[in-house]
Amino acid sequence: MFKYRVCYDGCKYGIEAHENGEAVCRSDGLFESEDKAVEFANLCTVLQLSPIHLEDVSEDILFVRKVN
């Protein structure tokens, strides 16, 4: 089972995927708001997003934010 947690790079919030208690991948700088990062991490956990897709989903988030 995958669990996603919020991480902070000193400027913006990102998310980190964990499997069996160990971090398996991380995407930094996605959100300025911790609340939005928590909401997204929870959604990824509930939907059981495979960590191999985290980079693609992160790029989509950044693209949508740039367009809007």
Protein backbone atom coordinates (compact mmCIF):
# COMPACT_ATOMS: atom_id res chain seq x y z
CA MET A 1 0.00 0.00 0.00
CA PHE A 2 1.24 3.46 -0.88
CA LYS A 3 1.02 6.40 1.50
CA TYR A 4 1.66 9.93 0.33
CA ARG A 5 2.96 12.58 2.71
CA VAL A 6 3.64 16.27 2.44
CA CYS A 7 7.24 17.41 2.20
CA TYR A 8 8.66 20.93 2.35
CA ASP A 9 11.74 22.11 0.46
CA GLY A 10 12.10 25.40 2.34
CA CYS A 11 10.02 27.34 -0.16
CA LYS A 12 7.11 25.23 -1.43
CA TYR A 13 5.35 22.02 -0.54
CA GLY A 14 5.52 18.78 -2.43
CA ILE A 15 4.58 15.18 -1.82
CA GLU A 16 6.53 12.06 -1.11
CA ALA A 17 5.40 8.49 -1.81
CA HIS A 18 6.06 5.84 0.85
CA GLU A 19 5.82 2.09 0.57
CA ASN A 20 6.24 -0.09 3.64
CA GLY A 21 7.35 2.98 5.60
CA GLU A 22 10.16 3.92 3.19
CA ALA A 23 10.21 6.89 0.82
CA VAL A 24 10.25 5.64 -2.77
CA CYS A 25 9.93 8.93 -4.67
CA ARG A 26 9.36 12.62 -4.13
CA SER A 27 8.13 15.62 -6.06
CA ASP A 28 9.08 19.06 -4.69
CA GLY A 29 7.80 22.56 -5.32
CA LEU A 30 4.21 21.79 -6.28
CA PHE A 31 2.18 23.93 -3.88
CA GLU A 32 2.57 27.18 -2.00
CA SER A 33 -0.21 26.13 0.38
CA GLU A 34 0.33 23.31 2.85
CA ASP A 35 -3.43 22.68 2.86
CA LYS A 36 -3.45 22.06 -0.91
CA ALA A 37 -0.46 19.73 -0.58
CA VAL A 38 -2.19 17.75 2.19
CA GLU A 39 -5.36 17.52 0.10
CA PHE A 40 -3.40 16.23 -2.89
CA ALA A 41 -1.35 13.76 -0.82
CA ASN A 42 -4.55 12.37 0.69
CA LEU A 43 -6.13 12.01 -2.75
CA CYS A 44 -3.07 10.13 -4.04
CA THR A 45 -3.22 7.82 -1.02
CA VAL A 46 -6.95 7.13 -1.38
CA LEU A 47 -6.64 6.46 -5.11
CA GLN A 48 -3.42 4.46 -4.57
CA LEU A 49 -1.53 6.34 -7.27
CA SER A 50 1.46 4.27 -8.27
CA PRO A 51 4.68 6.19 -7.54
CA ILE A 52 5.83 5.58 -11.12
CA HIS A 53 3.14 8.09 -12.16
CA LEU A 54 4.01 10.78 -9.61
CA GLU A 55 6.31 12.69 -11.96
CA ASP A 56 3.65 12.83 -14.71
CA VAL A 57 0.93 13.93 -12.30
CA SER A 58 3.26 16.58 -10.84
CA GLU A 59 3.98 17.96 -14.31
CA ASP A 60 0.24 18.10 -15.00
CA ILE A 61 -0.35 20.09 -11.81
CA LEU A 62 2.36 22.60 -12.72
CA PHE A 63 1.02 22.93 -16.28
CA VAL A 64 -2.56 23.52 -15.14
CA ARG A 65 -1.41 26.15 -12.66
CA LYS A 66 0.60 27.90 -15.39
CA VAL A 67 -2.34 27.92 -17.82
CA ASN A 68 -4.84 29.22 -15.27
